[in-house]
């Protein structure tokens, strides 16, 4: 094991001690608006569960230090605890050890987006896209499984999806749409369809491609068997005129789903010339603590 990785794992393991409490007060990132973003607080039961999962991931890695899967899971489990910069360090070490494994770029790119290093995230996803070209796809296992314990995305879909998000944040809506279309088309299930189609529709509308945006809504109906992306499904039905903004927001409740719903409604308001209503929703999002979510990141980009 290299010295860098040994030091990183020492930090990861040390995070289970009381030292993590002090670390939770430090800034993990600066928002696109210049505000310091501290490690998100977790409910005690969730924190205990995720710390135990990380401890297990570290133990598995120690049994086979050459296994890229094991190192990826240490990185992913570290990020779930809100320790995004530690996770980036671990995944960077993985890239050094496994430079042709697209999964390390995919997961590091995700966390670069989380800490608002958008250009670095885009670069990682572009690299990952070159590495998967012509290669078979693979289901990406969920770190926090949904209610049916059924993964709904793949390596390829996640690379294109997150690359598209990077371009969307940069307001390069045409390139965002191109990649969300790829993300949508590479996996055939309802959850991937609604997640990618939501952002695809918004990107096409904002790129001035209203006819293509309308076509993106054609596969969407209320009967889709959606497991985990209910807010995106509701938003798409709203874009079709089958839901009201109020119904979408009420159904979303609180948490990450609420942030996604609020951002989607705000973007719909913006597209339809209701900037004041959009700004009110951005303010609500930015006042919340759910800063690692994509909806919060997108609201920051709008409010700049």
Protein backbone atom coordinates (compact mmCIF):
# COMPACT_ATOMS: atom_id res chain seq x y z
CA UNK A 1 0.00 0.00 0.00
CA UNK A 2 1.38 3.40 -0.97
CA UNK A 3 2.15 6.00 1.70
CA UNK A 4 -0.59 8.31 0.40
CA UNK A 5 -3.24 5.62 0.63
CA UNK A 6 -2.04 4.55 4.08
CA UNK A 7 -2.39 8.13 5.33
CA UNK A 8 -5.83 8.49 3.74
CA UNK A 9 -7.12 5.30 5.32
CA UNK A 10 -5.72 6.42 8.67
CA UNK A 11 -7.84 9.57 8.33
CA UNK A 12 -10.88 7.57 7.28
CA UNK A 13 -10.60 5.17 10.22
CA UNK A 14 -9.91 8.08 12.56
CA UNK A 15 -13.21 9.59 11.48
CA UNK A 16 -15.05 7.05 13.63
CA UNK A 17 -13.62 8.65 16.77
CA UNK A 18 -14.70 11.83 18.49
CA UNK A 19 -12.53 13.71 16.03
CA UNK A 20 -15.26 13.48 13.43
CA UNK A 21 -17.43 15.79 15.51
CA UNK A 22 -14.88 18.56 15.27
CA UNK A 23 -14.39 17.86 11.58
CA UNK A 24 -18.09 18.30 10.95
CA UNK A 25 -17.70 21.98 11.74
CA UNK A 26 -15.11 22.58 9.01
CA UNK A 27 -15.99 23.67 5.50
CA UNK A 28 -16.11 20.97 2.83
CA UNK A 29 -16.67 23.46 0.01
CA UNK A 30 -17.49 27.00 -1.00
CA UNK A 31 -20.82 27.48 -2.73
CA UNK A 32 -20.99 29.09 -6.17
CA UNK A 33 -22.16 32.16 -4.25
CA UNK A 34 -19.10 32.17 -1.98
CA UNK A 35 -20.73 30.71 1.14
CA UNK A 36 -18.82 28.14 3.18
CA UNK A 37 -20.52 24.74 3.12
CA UNK A 38 -19.93 22.53 6.14
CA UNK A 39 -20.30 18.77 6.38
CA UNK A 40 -24.04 18.01 6.40
CA UNK A 41 -25.48 16.77 9.68
CA UNK A 42 -26.87 13.24 9.67
CA UNK A 43 -29.47 11.73 11.93
CA UNK A 44 -27.73 9.69 14.66
CA UNK A 45 -29.06 6.36 13.40
CA UNK A 46 -28.03 7.13 9.82
CA UNK A 47 -24.59 8.25 10.96
CA UNK A 48 -24.08 5.07 12.97
CA UNK A 49 -25.23 2.88 10.09
CA UNK A 50 -23.00 4.63 7.53
CA UNK A 51 -19.97 4.58 9.84
CA UNK A 52 -20.45 0.82 10.30
CA UNK A 53 -20.73 0.39 6.52
CA UNK A 54 -17.52 2.34 6.02
CA UNK A 55 -15.72 0.28 8.67
CA UNK A 56 -16.76 -2.87 6.82
CA UNK A 57 -15.59 -1.41 3.50
CA UNK A 58 -12.18 -0.64 5.00
CA UNK A 59 -11.92 -4.19 6.37
CA UNK A 60 -12.76 -5.64 2.96
CA UNK A 61 -10.12 -3.46 1.32
CA UNK A 62 -7.52 -4.59 3.85
CA UNK A 63 -8.10 -8.21 2.82
CA UNK A 64 -7.27 -7.41 -0.83
CA UNK A 65 -5.58 -4.09 -1.39
CA UNK A 66 -5.35 -4.65 -5.15
CA UNK A 67 -9.12 -4.92 -5.60
CA UNK A 68 -10.43 -1.73 -7.25
CA UNK A 69 -14.01 -2.47 -6.16
CA UNK A 70 -12.94 -2.47 -2.52
CA UNK A 71 -11.20 0.90 -2.81
CA UNK A 72 -14.16 2.40 -4.68
CA UNK A 73 -16.47 1.39 -1.84
CA UNK A 74 -14.20 2.98 0.75
CA UNK A 75 -14.36 6.19 -1.28
CA UNK A 76 -18.11 6.02 -1.76
CA UNK A 77 -18.82 5.22 1.90
CA UNK A 78 -16.59 8.09 3.00
CA UNK A 79 -18.53 10.48 0.76
CA UNK A 80 -21.88 9.29 2.13
CA UNK A 81 -20.71 10.58 5.52
CA UNK A 82 -20.21 14.03 3.99
CA UNK A 83 -16.42 13.77 3.96
CA UNK A 84 -16.18 14.64 0.30
CA UNK A 85 -12.59 15.83 0.17
CA UNK A 86 -11.36 12.67 1.88
CA UNK A 87 -13.35 10.67 -0.66
CA UNK A 88 -11.74 12.60 -3.52
CA UNK A 89 -8.32 11.80 -2.10
CA UNK A 90 -9.13 8.09 -1.94
CA UNK A 91 -10.53 8.03 -5.46
CA UNK A 92 -7.52 9.96 -6.74
CA UNK A 93 -5.30 7.28 -5.24
CA UNK A 94 -7.49 4.76 -7.05
CA UNK A 95 -6.83 6.53 -10.33
CA UNK A 96 -3.11 6.33 -9.67
CA UNK A 97 -3.39 2.60 -9.03
CA UNK A 98 -6.02 1.83 -11.72
CA UNK A 99 -5.71 4.58 -14.35
CA UNK A 100 -7.94 2.86 -16.92
CA UNK A 101 -10.85 2.10 -14.61
CA UNK A 102 -13.61 4.55 -15.55
CA UNK A 103 -15.39 4.02 -12.24
CA UNK A 104 -12.81 6.03 -10.30
CA UNK A 105 -13.24 9.02 -12.61
CA UNK A 106 -17.02 8.66 -12.44
CA UNK A 107 -17.13 8.73 -8.63
CA UNK A 108 -14.43 11.37 -8.21
CA UNK A 109 -16.16 13.55 -10.79
CA UNK A 110 -19.39 13.30 -8.82
CA UNK A 111 -17.66 14.54 -5.69
CA UNK A 112 -15.91 17.33 -7.56
CA UNK A 113 -19.38 18.53 -8.53
CA UNK A 114 -20.46 18.24 -4.90
CA UNK A 115 -17.65 20.53 -3.71
CA UNK A 116 -18.34 22.94 -6.60
CA UNK A 117 -15.18 22.16 -8.60
CA UNK A 118 -17.28 21.99 -11.74
CA UNK A 119 -14.50 22.07 -14.35
CA UNK A 120 -12.60 19.27 -12.59
CA UNK A 121 -15.80 17.24 -12.49
CA UNK A 122 -16.43 17.74 -16.19
CA UNK A 123 -12.85 16.72 -16.97
CA UNK A 124 -13.25 13.49 -14.98
CA UNK A 125 -16.50 12.59 -16.72
CA UNK A 126 -15.07 13.36 -20.14
CA UNK A 127 -12.17 11.02 -19.33
CA UNK A 128 -14.58 8.36 -18.09
CA UNK A 129 -16.61 8.67 -21.29
CA UNK A 130 -13.52 7.96 -23.38
CA UNK A 131 -12.68 4.92 -21.26
CA UNK A 132 -16.14 3.34 -21.66
CA UNK A 133 -16.34 3.91 -25.41
CA UNK A 134 -17.04 0.58 -27.07
CA UNK A 135 -17.13 -1.24 -23.71
CA UNK A 136 -20.11 -3.18 -22.30
CA UNK A 137 -22.17 -1.39 -19.69
CA UNK A 138 -22.58 -2.62 -16.11
CA UNK A 139 -25.19 -2.09 -13.43
CA UNK A 140 -23.96 0.25 -10.72
CA UNK A 141 -24.83 -1.09 -7.27
CA UNK A 142 -26.52 1.35 -4.88
CA UNK A 143 -24.75 2.36 -1.71
CA UNK A 144 -28.07 3.25 -0.11
CA UNK A 145 -30.57 0.91 -1.83
CA UNK A 146 -34.11 1.94 -2.72
CA UNK A 147 -37.26 0.36 -1.28
CA UNK A 148 -37.13 -2.57 -3.71
CA UNK A 149 -33.35 -3.00 -3.47
CA UNK A 150 -33.27 -2.65 -7.25
CA UNK A 151 -30.46 -0.60 -8.85
CA UNK A 152 -31.83 1.69 -11.55
CA UNK A 153 -28.66 3.09 -13.13
CA UNK A 154 -25.47 1.88 -14.75
CA UNK A 155 -21.88 3.04 -15.09
CA UNK A 156 -22.54 4.49 -18.54
CA UNK A 157 -25.78 6.23 -17.60
CA UNK A 158 -24.21 7.79 -14.53
CA UNK A 159 -21.20 9.07 -16.45
CA UNK A 160 -23.40 10.79 -19.05
CA UNK A 161 -25.89 12.00 -16.43
CA UNK A 162 -23.28 13.69 -14.26
CA UNK A 163 -21.36 15.07 -17.24
CA UNK A 164 -24.62 16.63 -18.41
CA UNK A 165 -25.14 18.16 -14.97
CA UNK A 166 -21.72 19.77 -15.15
CA UNK A 167 -22.57 21.36 -18.49
CA UNK A 168 -25.98 22.44 -17.19
CA UNK A 169 -24.37 24.25 -14.26
CA UNK A 170 -22.08 25.99 -16.76
CA UNK A 171 -25.22 26.92 -18.74
CA UNK A 172 -24.02 24.99 -21.79
CA UNK A 173 -27.53 23.66 -22.34
CA UNK A 174 -27.00 22.07 -25.76
CA UNK A 175 -24.11 19.91 -24.55
CA UNK A 176 -26.05 19.12 -21.39
CA UNK A 177 -29.00 17.92 -23.48
CA UNK A 178 -26.76 15.76 -25.69
CA UNK A 179 -25.44 13.91 -22.65
CA UNK A 180 -28.76 13.59 -20.85
CA UNK A 181 -30.15 12.05 -24.02
CA UNK A 182 -27.33 9.49 -23.88
CA UNK A 183 -28.03 8.83 -20.20
CA UNK A 184 -31.73 8.32 -20.94
CA UNK A 185 -31.22 5.98 -23.87
CA UNK A 186 -28.58 3.68 -22.40
CA UNK A 187 -30.88 2.21 -19.70
CA UNK A 188 -34.49 1.17 -20.19
CA UNK A 189 -36.32 1.55 -16.89
CA UNK A 190 -38.81 4.07 -15.57
CA UNK A 191 -36.55 5.64 -12.96
CA UNK A 192 -33.73 6.34 -15.38
CA UNK A 193 -36.25 7.58 -17.94
CA UNK A 194 -37.80 10.18 -15.64
CA UNK A 195 -34.53 11.34 -14.04
CA UNK A 196 -32.77 11.95 -17.35
CA UNK A 197 -35.89 13.24 -19.12
CA UNK A 198 -36.51 15.88 -16.47
CA UNK A 199 -33.14 17.52 -17.02
CA UNK A 200 -33.23 16.84 -20.75
CA UNK A 201 -36.51 18.73 -21.06
CA UNK A 202 -35.20 21.70 -19.09
CA UNK A 203 -31.95 21.76 -21.08
CA UNK A 204 -33.74 21.67 -24.44
CA UNK A 205 -36.16 24.40 -23.44
CA UNK A 206 -33.32 26.60 -22.26
CA UNK A 207 -31.37 25.87 -25.44
CA UNK A 208 -34.34 27.19 -27.44
CA UNK A 209 -35.32 23.75 -28.78
CA UNK A 210 -38.99 23.68 -27.81
CA UNK A 211 -40.01 21.02 -30.34
CA UNK A 212 -37.31 18.61 -29.16
CA UNK A 213 -38.32 19.33 -25.57
CA UNK A 214 -41.93 18.45 -26.33
CA UNK A 215 -40.79 15.21 -27.96
CA UNK A 216 -38.85 14.31 -24.81
CA UNK A 217 -42.15 14.27 -22.90
CA UNK A 218 -43.87 11.76 -25.20
CA UNK A 219 -42.81 8.60 -23.28
CA UNK A 220 -43.97 10.08 -19.97
CA UNK A 221 -47.32 9.16 -18.44
CA UNK A 222 -48.74 8.81 -14.95
CA UNK A 223 -48.67 4.99 -15.06
CA UNK A 224 -44.88 4.62 -15.14
CA UNK A 225 -43.61 2.25 -12.43
CA UNK A 226 -41.19 4.64 -10.73
CA UNK A 227 -39.38 3.36 -7.64
CA UNK A 228 -37.25 6.23 -6.36
CA UNK A 229 -37.53 9.24 -8.66
CA UNK A 230 -41.10 10.26 -7.91
CA UNK A 231 -40.30 13.98 -7.82
CA UNK A 232 -38.86 13.89 -11.33
CA UNK A 233 -41.90 11.95 -12.51
CA UNK A 234 -44.23 14.57 -11.01
CA UNK A 235 -42.23 17.39 -12.57
CA UNK A 236 -42.48 15.83 -16.01
CA UNK A 237 -46.24 15.49 -15.60
CA UNK A 238 -46.30 19.17 -14.64
CA UNK A 239 -44.39 20.08 -17.81
CA UNK A 240 -47.10 18.19 -19.71
CA UNK A 241 -49.86 20.16 -17.94
CA UNK A 242 -51.09 17.19 -15.89
CA UNK A 243 -49.95 18.53 -12.50
CA UNK A 244 -49.81 21.98 -10.96
CA UNK A 245 -46.69 23.39 -9.30
CA UNK A 246 -48.52 23.33 -5.99
CA UNK A 247 -49.33 19.63 -6.34
CA UNK A 248 -45.72 18.80 -7.20
CA UNK A 249 -44.32 20.71 -4.22
CA UNK A 250 -46.84 19.27 -1.79
CA UNK A 251 -46.16 15.69 -2.90
CA UNK A 252 -42.39 16.11 -2.65
CA UNK A 253 -42.37 16.68 1.10
CA UNK A 254 -38.96 17.47 2.60
CA UNK A 255 -35.36 16.42 2.02
CA UNK A 256 -33.55 15.84 -1.27
CA UNK A 257 -36.78 15.10 -3.13
CA UNK A 258 -38.17 18.43 -2.01
CA UNK A 259 -35.05 20.24 -3.24
CA UNK A 260 -35.29 18.55 -6.64
CA UNK A 261 -38.97 19.41 -6.90
CA UNK A 262 -38.46 23.03 -5.89
CA UNK A 263 -35.65 23.47 -8.41
CA UNK A 264 -37.67 21.83 -11.19
CA UNK A 265 -40.65 24.08 -10.50
CA UNK A 266 -38.36 27.11 -10.38
CA UNK A 267 -36.82 26.23 -13.73
CA UNK A 268 -40.30 25.77 -15.20
CA UNK A 269 -41.27 29.21 -13.88
CA UNK A 270 -38.12 30.70 -15.39
CA UNK A 271 -38.75 29.10 -18.78
CA UNK A 272 -42.28 30.50 -18.75
CA UNK A 273 -41.28 34.05 -17.91
CA UNK A 274 -42.05 33.96 -14.18
CA UNK A 275 -38.64 34.97 -12.90
CA UNK A 276 -39.87 36.40 -9.59
CA UNK A 277 -41.56 33.12 -8.67
CA UNK A 278 -38.39 31.27 -9.69
CA UNK A 279 -36.25 33.53 -7.53
CA UNK A 280 -38.50 32.92 -4.53
CA UNK A 281 -37.97 29.18 -4.86
CA UNK A 282 -34.21 29.60 -5.29
CA UNK A 283 -34.14 31.58 -2.05
CA UNK A 284 -36.02 28.79 -0.27
CA UNK A 285 -33.62 26.17 -1.61
CA UNK A 286 -30.52 28.18 -0.69
CA UNK A 287 -31.79 28.70 2.84
CA UNK A 288 -31.89 24.94 3.33
CA UNK A 289 -29.13 22.61 4.48
CA UNK A 290 -29.35 20.13 1.58
CA UNK A 291 -26.39 21.65 -0.25
CA UNK A 292 -24.94 18.39 -1.67
CA UNK A 293 -28.11 17.86 -3.74
CA UNK A 294 -28.18 18.65 -7.45
CA UNK A 295 -31.19 20.93 -6.99
CA UNK A 296 -29.28 23.08 -4.51
CA UNK A 297 -26.25 23.22 -6.81
CA UNK A 298 -28.44 24.25 -9.75
CA UNK A 299 -30.16 26.94 -7.66
CA UNK A 300 -26.75 28.38 -6.77
CA UNK A 301 -25.88 28.55 -10.46
CA UNK A 302 -29.14 30.40 -11.18
CA UNK A 303 -28.71 32.88 -8.33
CA UNK A 304 -25.19 33.98 -9.27
